[in-house]
C-alpha atoms as a PDB file:
ATOM      1  CA  MET A   1      -2.625  -0.198  17.107  1.00  0.00           C
ATOM      2  CA  ASN A   2      -4.655   0.953  20.113  1.00  0.00           C
ATOM      3  CA  LEU A   3      -8.338   0.004  20.032  1.00  0.00           C
ATOM      4  CA  GLY A   4      -9.088   2.194  23.048  1.00  0.00           C
ATOM      5  CA  GLU A   5     -11.640   1.352  25.737  1.00  0.00           C
ATOM      6  CA  LEU A   6     -13.874  -1.588  24.870  1.00  0.00           C
ATOM      7  CA  HIS A   7     -17.131  -2.544  26.574  1.00  0.00           C
ATOM      8  CA  GLY A   8     -19.235  -5.666  27.041  1.00  0.00           C
ATOM      9  CA  GLU A   9     -17.922  -8.844  25.394  1.00  0.00           C
ATOM     10  CA  VAL A  10     -14.714  -9.209  23.390  1.00  0.00           C
ATOM     11  CA  LEU A  11     -14.148 -12.328  21.273  1.00  0.00           C
ATOM     12  CA  ILE A  12     -10.552 -13.512  20.853  1.00  0.00           C
ATOM     13  CA  PHE A  13      -9.345 -16.187  18.449  1.00  0.00           C
ATOM     14  CA  GLY A  14      -6.486 -17.030  16.136  1.00  0.00           C
ATOM     15  CA  GLY A  15      -5.291 -19.551  13.606  1.00  0.00           C
ATOM     16  CA  ASN A  16      -7.990 -19.702  10.949  1.00  0.00           C
ATOM     17  CA  TYR A  17      -5.417 -21.790   9.068  1.00  0.00           C
ATOM     18  CA  SER A  18      -7.258 -21.427   5.717  1.00  0.00           C
ATOM     19  CA  ASN A  19     -10.245 -23.182   7.313  1.00  0.00           C
ATOM     20  CA  LEU A  20     -13.168 -21.338   5.765  1.00  0.00           C
ATOM     21  CA  GLN A  21     -15.859 -23.426   7.472  1.00  0.00           C
ATOM     22  CA  ALA A  22     -14.451 -22.726  10.934  1.00  0.00           C
ATOM     23  CA  THR A  23     -14.225 -19.028  10.105  1.00  0.00           C
ATOM     24  CA  LEU A  24     -17.861 -18.925   9.020  1.00  0.00           C
ATOM     25  CA  ALA A  25     -18.917 -20.803  12.166  1.00  0.00           C
ATOM     26  CA  LEU A  26     -17.116 -18.346  14.426  1.00  0.00           C
ATOM     27  CA  LYS A  27     -18.600 -15.395  12.588  1.00  0.00           C
ATOM     28  CA  ALA A  28     -22.031 -16.881  13.267  1.00  0.00           C
ATOM     29  CA  VAL A  29     -21.158 -17.090  16.991  1.00  0.00           C
ATOM     30  CA  ALA A  30     -20.223 -13.396  17.044  1.00  0.00           C
ATOM     31  CA  GLU A  31     -23.436 -12.465  15.273  1.00  0.00           C
ATOM     32  CA  GLN A  32     -25.549 -14.589  17.637  1.00  0.00           C
ATOM     33  CA  ARG A  33     -23.931 -12.872  20.631  1.00  0.00           C
ATOM     34  CA  SER A  34     -24.230  -9.414  19.009  1.00  0.00           C
ATOM     35  CA  ILE A  35     -20.485  -8.813  19.303  1.00  0.00           C
ATOM     36  CA  PRO A  36     -19.549  -6.070  16.816  1.00  0.00           C
ATOM     37  CA  PRO A  37     -16.585  -6.614  14.457  1.00  0.00           C
ATOM     38  CA  GLU A  38     -14.468  -4.019  16.264  1.00  0.00           C
ATOM     39  CA  GLN A  39     -14.607  -6.249  19.374  1.00  0.00           C
ATOM     40  CA  VAL A  40     -13.597  -9.463  17.615  1.00  0.00           C
ATOM     41  CA  ILE A  41      -9.799  -9.780  17.596  1.00  0.00           C
ATOM     42  CA  CYS A  42      -7.717 -12.269  15.602  1.00  0.00           C
ATOM     43  CA  THR A  43      -4.216 -13.155  16.821  1.00  0.00           C
ATOM     44  CA  GLY A  44      -3.005 -14.001  13.302  1.00  0.00           C
ATOM     45  CA  ASP A  45      -2.189 -16.972  11.058  1.00  0.00           C
ATOM     46  CA  ILE A  46      -5.295 -16.693   8.912  1.00  0.00           C
ATOM     47  CA  VAL A  47      -3.570 -18.848   6.285  1.00  0.00           C
ATOM     48  CA  ALA A  48      -1.968 -22.232   6.972  1.00  0.00           C
ATOM     49  CA  TYR A  49      -2.792 -25.941   6.872  1.00  0.00           C
ATOM     50  CA  CYS A  50      -6.153 -26.106   5.083  1.00  0.00           C
ATOM     51  CA  ALA A  51      -7.065 -25.551   1.440  1.00  0.00           C
ATOM     52  CA  GLU A  52      -9.042 -22.298   1.206  1.00  0.00           C
ATOM     53  CA  PRO A  53      -6.474 -19.556   1.887  1.00  0.00           C
ATOM     54  CA  GLU A  54      -7.792 -16.830  -0.408  1.00  0.00           C
ATOM     55  CA  GLU A  55     -11.417 -17.473   0.533  1.00  0.00           C
ATOM     56  CA  THR A  56     -10.598 -17.358   4.248  1.00  0.00           C
ATOM     57  CA  VAL A  57      -8.635 -14.111   3.999  1.00  0.00           C
ATOM     58  CA  ASN A  58     -11.449 -12.527   2.003  1.00  0.00           C
ATOM     59  CA  GLU A  59     -13.973 -13.558   4.657  1.00  0.00           C
ATOM     60  CA  VAL A  60     -11.875 -12.063   7.465  1.00  0.00           C
ATOM     61  CA  ARG A  61     -11.327  -8.837   5.556  1.00  0.00           C
ATOM     62  CA  ASP A  62     -15.010  -8.516   4.729  1.00  0.00           C
ATOM     63  CA  TRP A  63     -15.806  -9.091   8.410  1.00  0.00           C
ATOM     64  CA  GLY A  64     -13.769  -5.977   9.244  1.00  0.00           C
ATOM     65  CA  ILE A  65     -12.222  -7.237  12.496  1.00  0.00           C
ATOM     66  CA  PRO A  66      -8.851  -6.187  13.977  1.00  0.00           C
ATOM     67  CA  VAL A  67      -6.082  -8.654  13.086  1.00  0.00           C
ATOM     68  CA  VAL A  68      -2.561  -8.973  14.480  1.00  0.00           C
ATOM     69  CA  MET A  69       0.121  -9.988  12.001  1.00  0.00           C
ATOM     70  CA  GLY A  70       1.122 -13.604  12.479  1.00  0.00           C
ATOM     71  CA  ASN A  71       4.271 -15.208  11.137  1.00  0.00           C
ATOM     72  CA  CYS A  72       2.230 -16.646   8.246  1.00  0.00           C
ATOM     73  CA  GLU A  73       1.001 -13.175   7.244  1.00  0.00           C
ATOM     74  CA  GLU A  74       4.564 -11.875   7.566  1.00  0.00           C
ATOM     75  CA  SER A  75       5.967 -14.672   5.390  1.00  0.00           C
ATOM     76  CA  LEU A  76       3.275 -14.557   2.704  1.00  0.00           C
ATOM     77  CA  GLY A  77       3.085 -10.782   2.695  1.00  0.00           C
ATOM     78  CA  PHE A  78       6.820 -10.325   2.257  1.00  0.00           C
ATOM     79  CA  ASP A  79       7.214 -13.339  -0.081  1.00  0.00           C
ATOM     80  CA  ALA A  80       9.499 -15.349   2.201  1.00  0.00           C
ATOM     81  CA  ASP A  81      10.757 -18.823   1.343  1.00  0.00           C
ATOM     82  CA  ASP A  82       8.954 -20.551   4.227  1.00  0.00           C
ATOM     83  CA  CYS A  83       6.187 -19.964   6.751  1.00  0.00           C
ATOM     84  CA  GLY A  84       8.467 -18.574   9.465  1.00  0.00           C
ATOM     85  CA  CYS A  85       6.698 -20.744  12.044  1.00  0.00           C
ATOM     86  CA  GLY A  86       9.853 -21.341  14.041  1.00  0.00           C
ATOM     87  CA  PHE A  87      10.039 -25.081  13.395  1.00  0.00           C
ATOM     88  CA  ALA A  88      13.496 -26.626  13.655  1.00  0.00           C
ATOM     89  CA  GLU A  89      14.920 -27.587  10.257  1.00  0.00           C
ATOM     90  CA  GLY A  90      14.249 -31.183   9.273  1.00  0.00           C
ATOM     91  CA  THR A  91      11.539 -31.807  11.874  1.00  0.00           C
ATOM     92  CA  ALA A  92       8.176 -33.282  10.918  1.00  0.00           C
ATOM     93  CA  CYS A  93       6.523 -29.890  11.500  1.00  0.00           C
ATOM     94  CA  ALA A  94       8.944 -28.205   9.105  1.00  0.00           C
ATOM     95  CA  VAL A  95       8.468 -30.865   6.410  1.00  0.00           C
ATOM     96  CA  LEU A  96       4.671 -30.753   6.690  1.00  0.00           C
ATOM     97  CA  SER A  97       4.636 -26.963   6.524  1.00  0.00           C
ATOM     98  CA  ASP A  98       6.332 -26.947   3.119  1.00  0.00           C
ATOM     99  CA  SER A  99       3.287 -28.474   1.432  1.00  0.00           C
ATOM    100  CA  TRP A 100       0.658 -26.043   2.680  1.00  0.00           C
ATOM    101  CA  PHE A 101       2.944 -23.010   2.383  1.00  0.00           C
ATOM    102  CA  ASN A 102       3.783 -23.705  -1.264  1.00  0.00           C
ATOM    103  CA  PHE A 103       0.112 -24.457  -1.904  1.00  0.00           C
ATOM    104  CA  SER A 104      -0.987 -21.159  -0.331  1.00  0.00           C
ATOM    105  CA  ARG A 105       1.633 -18.737  -1.639  1.00  0.00           C
ATOM    106  CA  SER A 106       0.392 -19.136  -5.227  1.00  0.00           C
ATOM    107  CA  ARG A 107      -3.268 -18.890  -4.242  1.00  0.00           C
ATOM    108  CA  VAL A 108      -3.232 -15.745  -2.102  1.00  0.00           C
ATOM    109  CA  SER A 109      -3.776 -12.671  -4.262  1.00  0.00           C
ATOM    110  CA  ALA A 110      -1.355  -9.764  -4.493  1.00  0.00           C
ATOM    111  CA  ALA A 111      -3.988  -7.515  -2.909  1.00  0.00           C
ATOM    112  CA  ASN A 112      -4.309  -9.789   0.115  1.00  0.00           C
ATOM    113  CA  LYS A 113      -0.528 -10.078   0.459  1.00  0.00           C
ATOM    114  CA  ALA A 114      -0.335  -6.280   0.504  1.00  0.00           C
ATOM    115  CA  TRP A 115      -2.994  -6.223   3.225  1.00  0.00           C
ATOM    116  CA  MET A 116      -0.956  -8.725   5.238  1.00  0.00           C
ATOM    117  CA  ARG A 117       2.164  -6.567   5.009  1.00  0.00           C
ATOM    118  CA  ASN A 118       0.336  -3.671   6.627  1.00  0.00           C
ATOM    119  CA  LEU A 119      -1.146  -5.524   9.596  1.00  0.00           C
ATOM    120  CA  PRO A 120      -0.077  -4.332  13.065  1.00  0.00           C
ATOM    121  CA  ARG A 121       2.332  -6.553  14.973  1.00  0.00           C
ATOM    122  CA  THR A 122       0.561  -5.840  18.247  1.00  0.00           C
ATOM    123  CA  LEU A 123      -2.781  -4.466  19.426  1.00  0.00           C
ATOM    124  CA  SER A 124      -3.738  -2.904  22.729  1.00  0.00           C
ATOM    125  CA  PHE A 125      -7.044  -2.098  24.399  1.00  0.00           C
ATOM    126  CA  SER A 126      -8.612  -1.574  27.808  1.00  0.00           C
ATOM    127  CA  LEU A 127     -11.540  -3.452  29.314  1.00  0.00           C
ATOM    128  CA  ALA A 128     -12.995  -2.902  32.799  1.00  0.00           C
ATOM    129  CA  GLY A 129      -9.880  -0.970  33.816  1.00  0.00           C
ATOM    130  CA  LYS A 130      -7.467  -3.693  32.678  1.00  0.00           C
ATOM    131  CA  ARG A 131      -4.788  -3.046  30.059  1.00  0.00           C
ATOM    132  CA  PHE A 132      -4.424  -5.714  27.376  1.00  0.00           C
ATOM    133  CA  GLN A 133      -1.746  -6.318  24.768  1.00  0.00           C
ATOM    134  CA  VAL A 134      -2.392  -8.771  21.922  1.00  0.00           C
ATOM    135  CA  VAL A 135       0.557 -10.389  20.139  1.00  0.00           C
ATOM    136  CA  HIS A 136       0.962 -13.367  17.841  1.00  0.00           C
ATOM    137  CA  GLY A 137       3.746 -15.458  19.372  1.00  0.00           C
ATOM    138  CA  SER A 138       5.114 -13.445  22.269  1.00  0.00           C
ATOM    139  CA  VAL A 139       5.998  -9.869  23.172  1.00  0.00           C
ATOM    140  CA  SER A 140       9.607 -10.500  22.166  1.00  0.00           C
ATOM    141  CA  SER A 141       9.110 -12.529  18.952  1.00  0.00           C
ATOM    142  CA  ILE A 142       6.389 -13.066  16.385  1.00  0.00           C
ATOM    143  CA  ASN A 143       7.049 -16.818  16.227  1.00  0.00           C
ATOM    144  CA  ARG A 144       7.967 -17.742  19.798  1.00  0.00           C
ATOM    145  CA  PHE A 145       5.963 -20.692  21.089  1.00  0.00           C
ATOM    146  CA  VAL A 146       4.541 -19.970  24.542  1.00  0.00           C
ATOM    147  CA  PHE A 147       2.871 -22.875  26.336  1.00  0.00           C
ATOM    148  CA  ALA A 148       1.308 -23.099  29.788  1.00  0.00           C
ATOM    149  CA  SER A 149       4.017 -25.376  31.196  1.00  0.00           C
ATOM    150  CA  LEU A 150       6.983 -23.130  30.429  1.00  0.00           C
ATOM    151  CA  PRO A 151       9.087 -21.968  33.403  1.00  0.00           C
ATOM    152  CA  GLU A 152       7.942 -18.815  35.192  1.00  0.00           C
ATOM    153  CA  ASP A 153      11.163 -17.061  34.156  1.00  0.00           C
ATOM    154  CA  VAL A 154       9.970 -17.195  30.529  1.00  0.00           C
ATOM    155  CA  PHE A 155       6.782 -15.371  31.410  1.00  0.00           C
ATOM    156  CA  ARG A 156       8.566 -12.871  33.642  1.00  0.00           C
ATOM    157  CA  GLN A 157      10.963 -12.046  30.820  1.00  0.00           C
ATOM    158  CA  GLU A 158       8.054 -11.450  28.449  1.00  0.00           C
ATOM    159  CA  PHE A 159       6.095  -9.377  30.961  1.00  0.00           C
ATOM    160  CA  SER A 160       9.170  -7.191  31.545  1.00  0.00           C
ATOM    161  CA  GLN A 161       8.745  -5.921  27.972  1.00  0.00           C
ATOM    162  CA  THR A 162       5.170  -4.679  28.357  1.00  0.00           C
ATOM    163  CA  THR A 163       3.136  -2.417  30.625  1.00  0.00           C
ATOM    164  CA  ALA A 164      -0.022  -4.468  30.047  1.00  0.00           C
ATOM    165  CA  ASP A 165      -1.835  -6.231  32.868  1.00  0.00           C
ATOM    166  CA  ILE A 166      -2.791  -9.059  30.540  1.00  0.00           C
ATOM    167  CA  VAL A 167      -1.026 -10.369  27.446  1.00  0.00           C
ATOM    168  CA  ILE A 168      -2.975 -12.375  24.872  1.00  0.00           C
ATOM    169  CA  GLY A 169      -0.904 -14.556  22.576  1.00  0.00           C
ATOM    170  CA  GLY A 170      -1.604 -17.000  19.773  1.00  0.00           C
ATOM    171  CA  HIS A 171       0.672 -19.183  17.612  1.00  0.00           C
ATOM    172  CA  ALA A 172       0.935 -22.137  20.010  1.00  0.00           C
ATOM    173  CA  GLY A 173      -2.429 -23.680  19.083  1.00  0.00           C
ATOM    174  CA  ILE A 174      -3.486 -24.729  22.599  1.00  0.00           C
ATOM    175  CA  PRO A 175      -5.638 -22.453  24.796  1.00  0.00           C
ATOM    176  CA  PHE A 176      -4.520 -21.743  28.357  1.00  0.00           C
ATOM    177  CA  ALA A 177      -4.144 -19.179  31.129  1.00  0.00           C
ATOM    178  CA  ARG A 178      -1.060 -18.562  33.248  1.00  0.00           C
ATOM    179  CA  GLN A 179      -0.767 -16.102  36.127  1.00  0.00           C
ATOM    180  CA  CYS A 180       2.560 -14.513  36.992  1.00  0.00           C
ATOM    181  CA  GLY A 181       2.335 -12.186  39.976  1.00  0.00           C
ATOM    182  CA  GLN A 182      -0.385  -9.669  39.184  1.00  0.00           C
ATOM    183  CA  GLN A 183      -0.189 -10.275  35.432  1.00  0.00           C
ATOM    184  CA  TYR A 184      -1.834 -12.886  33.234  1.00  0.00           C
ATOM    185  CA  TRP A 185      -0.900 -14.590  29.981  1.00  0.00           C
ATOM    186  CA  LEU A 186      -3.878 -15.868  27.992  1.00  0.00           C
ATOM    187  CA  ASN A 187      -4.092 -17.921  24.819  1.00  0.00           C
ATOM    188  CA  GLY A 188      -7.544 -18.095  23.266  1.00  0.00           C
ATOM    189  CA  GLY A 189      -6.729 -21.082  21.099  1.00  0.00           C
ATOM    190  CA  VAL A 190      -7.146 -21.465  17.349  1.00  0.00           C
ATOM    191  CA  ILE A 191     -10.221 -22.187  15.263  1.00  0.00           C
ATOM    192  CA  GLY A 192      -8.634 -23.854  12.224  1.00  0.00           C
ATOM    193  CA  MET A 193      -7.216 -26.994  13.817  1.00  0.00           C
ATOM    194  CA  PRO A 194      -8.044 -28.981  16.997  1.00  0.00           C
ATOM    195  CA  ALA A 195      -5.971 -28.478  20.143  1.00  0.00           C
ATOM    196  CA  ASN A 196      -4.375 -31.949  20.058  1.00  0.00           C
ATOM    197  CA  ASP A 197      -6.934 -33.127  22.618  1.00  0.00           C
ATOM    198  CA  GLY A 198      -8.517 -35.946  20.637  1.00  0.00           C
ATOM    199  CA  THR A 199     -11.649 -34.018  19.685  1.00  0.00           C
ATOM    200  CA  ALA A 200     -12.565 -32.303  16.424  1.00  0.00           C
ATOM    201  CA  ASP A 201     -13.572 -29.123  18.262  1.00  0.00           C
ATOM    202  CA  THR A 202     -11.492 -25.973  18.006  1.00  0.00           C
ATOM    203  CA  TRP A 203     -11.330 -23.055  20.457  1.00  0.00           C
ATOM    204  CA  TYR A 204     -11.989 -19.371  21.009  1.00  0.00           C
ATOM    205  CA  MET A 205     -12.102 -17.103  24.076  1.00  0.00           C
ATOM    206  CA  LEU A 206     -14.555 -14.538  25.391  1.00  0.00           C
ATOM    207  CA  LEU A 207     -13.634 -11.628  27.642  1.00  0.00           C
ATOM    208  CA  THR A 208     -16.543 -10.166  29.595  1.00  0.00           C
ATOM    209  CA  ALA A 209     -16.365  -6.888  31.486  1.00  0.00           C
ATOM    210  CA  GLU A 210     -17.497  -7.139  35.119  1.00  0.00           C
ATOM    211  CA  THR A 211     -17.278  -4.679  37.999  1.00  0.00           C
ATOM    212  CA  ASN A 212     -13.559  -3.931  38.377  1.00  0.00           C
ATOM    213  CA  ALA A 213     -12.667  -7.243  36.762  1.00  0.00           C
ATOM    214  CA  VAL A 214     -12.677  -9.191  33.493  1.00  0.00           C
ATOM    215  CA  ARG A 215     -14.024 -12.715  33.140  1.00  0.00           C
ATOM    216  CA  ALA A 216     -12.161 -14.897  30.635  1.00  0.00           C
ATOM    217  CA  SER A 217     -13.918 -18.007  29.341  1.00  0.00           C
ATOM    218  CA  TRP A 218     -12.877 -20.572  26.734  1.00  0.00           C
ATOM    219  CA  HIS A 219     -15.349 -22.176  24.357  1.00  0.00           C
ATOM    220  CA  ARG A 220     -15.339 -25.082  21.927  1.00  0.00           C
ATOM    221  CA  LEU A 221     -16.216 -24.334  18.312  1.00  0.00           C
ATOM    222  CA  GLN A 222     -17.998 -26.977  16.294  1.00  0.00           C
ATOM    223  CA  TYR A 223     -18.110 -26.622  12.521  1.00  0.00           C
ATOM    224  CA  GLU A 224     -18.255 -28.719   9.329  1.00  0.00           C
ATOM    225  CA  ALA A 225     -14.835 -30.332   9.681  1.00  0.00           C
ATOM    226  CA  ASP A 226     -15.741 -33.041   7.179  1.00  0.00           C
ATOM    227  CA  ARG A 227     -16.313 -30.378   4.537  1.00  0.00           C
ATOM    228  CA  THR A 228     -12.959 -28.733   5.253  1.00  0.00           C
ATOM    229  CA  LYS A 229     -11.252 -32.129   4.993  1.00  0.00           C
ATOM    230  CA  ARG A 230     -13.035 -32.879   1.702  1.00  0.00           C
ATOM    231  CA  VAL A 231     -11.864 -29.600   0.162  1.00  0.00           C
ATOM    232  CA  MET A 232      -8.291 -30.397   1.201  1.00  0.00           C
ATOM    233  CA  GLN A 233      -8.514 -33.765  -0.524  1.00  0.00           C
ATOM    234  CA  GLU A 234     -10.152 -32.348  -3.636  1.00  0.00           C
ATOM    235  CA  ARG A 235      -7.468 -29.678  -4.000  1.00  0.00           C
ATOM    236  CA  GLY A 236      -4.564 -32.075  -3.577  1.00  0.00           C
ATOM    237  CA  LEU A 237      -3.639 -31.077  -0.050  1.00  0.00           C
ATOM    238  CA  ASN A 238      -4.441 -34.420   1.543  1.00  0.00           C
ATOM    239  CA  THR A 239      -1.784 -34.138   4.243  1.00  0.00           C
ATOM    240  CA  ALA A 240      -1.747 -35.501   7.780  1.00  0.00           C
ATOM    241  CA  TYR A 241      -3.485 -32.301   8.860  1.00  0.00           C
ATOM    242  CA  ALA A 242      -6.603 -33.387   6.964  1.00  0.00           C
ATOM    243  CA  ALA A 243      -6.923 -36.384   9.268  1.00  0.00           C
ATOM    244  CA  ALA A 244      -6.179 -34.213  12.312  1.00  0.00           C
ATOM    245  CA  LEU A 245      -9.285 -32.144  11.607  1.00  0.00           C
ATOM    246  CA  GLN A 246     -11.429 -35.090  12.673  1.00  0.00           C
ATOM    247  CA  ASN A 247      -9.285 -37.194  15.003  1.00  0.00           C
ATOM    248  CA  GLY A 248      -8.085 -34.151  16.946  1.00  0.00           C
ATOM    249  CA  LEU A 249      -4.459 -35.331  17.112  1.00  0.00           C
ATOM    250  CA  TRP A 250      -1.527 -33.347  15.775  1.00  0.00           C
ATOM    251  CA  PRO A 251       0.609 -35.258  13.254  1.00  0.00           C
ATOM    252  CA  SER A 252       3.741 -33.960  14.958  1.00  0.00           C
ATOM    253  CA  MET A 253       4.527 -32.721  18.457  1.00  0.00           C
ATOM    254  CA  ASP A 254       8.008 -31.362  17.756  1.00  0.00           C
ATOM    255  CA  VAL A 255       7.249 -27.939  19.240  1.00  0.00           C
ATOM    256  CA  LEU A 256       5.552 -29.165  22.415  1.00  0.00           C
ATOM    257  CA  PRO A 257       7.163 -29.273  25.856  1.00  0.00           C
ATOM    258  CA  GLU A 258       6.978 -32.655  27.578  1.00  0.00           C
ATOM    259  CA  THR A 259       3.976 -31.688  29.716  1.00  0.00           C
ATOM    260  CA  GLU A 260       1.870 -30.839  26.674  1.00  0.00           C
ATOM    261  CA  ARG A 261       3.059 -33.966  24.861  1.00  0.00           C
ATOM    262  CA  GLN A 262       1.760 -36.091  27.706  1.00  0.00           C
ATOM    263  CA  GLN A 263      -1.635 -34.410  27.379  1.00  0.00           C
ATOM    264  CA  GLN A 264      -2.184 -35.464  23.751  1.00  0.00           C
ATOM    265  CA  GLY A 265      -5.614 -37.007  23.282  1.00  0.00           C
ATOM    266  CA  LEU A 266      -6.953 -35.804  26.641  1.00  0.00           C
ATOM    267  CA  PRO A 267     -10.004 -33.551  26.147  1.00  0.00           C
ATOM    268  CA  LEU A 268      -9.352 -30.053  27.441  1.00  0.00           C
ATOM    269  CA  HIS A 269     -11.367 -28.581  30.298  1.00  0.00           C
ATOM    270  CA  LEU A 270     -10.766 -24.870  30.851  1.00  0.00           C
ATOM    271  CA  PRO A 271     -12.788 -23.265  33.656  1.00  0.00           C
ATOM    272  CA  PRO A 272     -13.573 -19.544  33.466  1.00  0.00           C
ATOM    273  CA  LEU A 273     -11.110 -17.212  35.132  1.00  0.00           C
ATOM    274  CA  VAL A 274     -11.771 -13.866  36.794  1.00  0.00           C
ATOM    275  CA  LEU A 275      -8.934 -11.422  36.122  1.00  0.00           C
ATOM    276  CA  SER A 276      -9.146  -9.032  39.059  1.00  0.00           C
END
């Protein structure tokens, strides 16, 4: 799907993770900044760890924003046996995912599953003369984990499969920016779960058009995490992710490279970046 030439501010986020309160908080941010729905882009995984999957999908659909298919939408939409997150079999991440996936698959309506099946797997747009491609995991795979510390060869291989100046990915859950030659890889973060940095805040990204350049900035999102946790407990989904909503620490780091593992519990500081 090509969104064409955009102007002004573009809001990027992903990973609602069935967190209705975070979704409502981000929608309020967009409204306060007068960012229209067509310039708010979701990188996928609307449904996951928290306990309001149907309500969260309905809110996103009513909002009318562009959404890239994530592996969770692919799995739920096509009635797969697991979330398709890419976790190695038997790891803590894989075991924990079984509970929320089985919880969600029976609570997402047939109409919303049909909507998920028809989501685009990639979006493109232009802003201030820069070409953007939005994917869920990576250009090559819907569920590839891309983190800031990965070797440059990984990024070069991904960039070889696109003509975009800037790729925006999701899936990994930690916001970052990585430059490779004249191209950039950006992750706006997720709003449904903290970034493993020891704070309850979640993350989104703003792109702002400037003269012959784009300014990328990352922002913390504060929302009623205690309410989200309470709903999880009330609905019988009192997993380790419920605690993570408030302590900001992931219950498993199976997918993380060593660099990101060492950063657990350290509050993130992401300065703005001018993409020229």
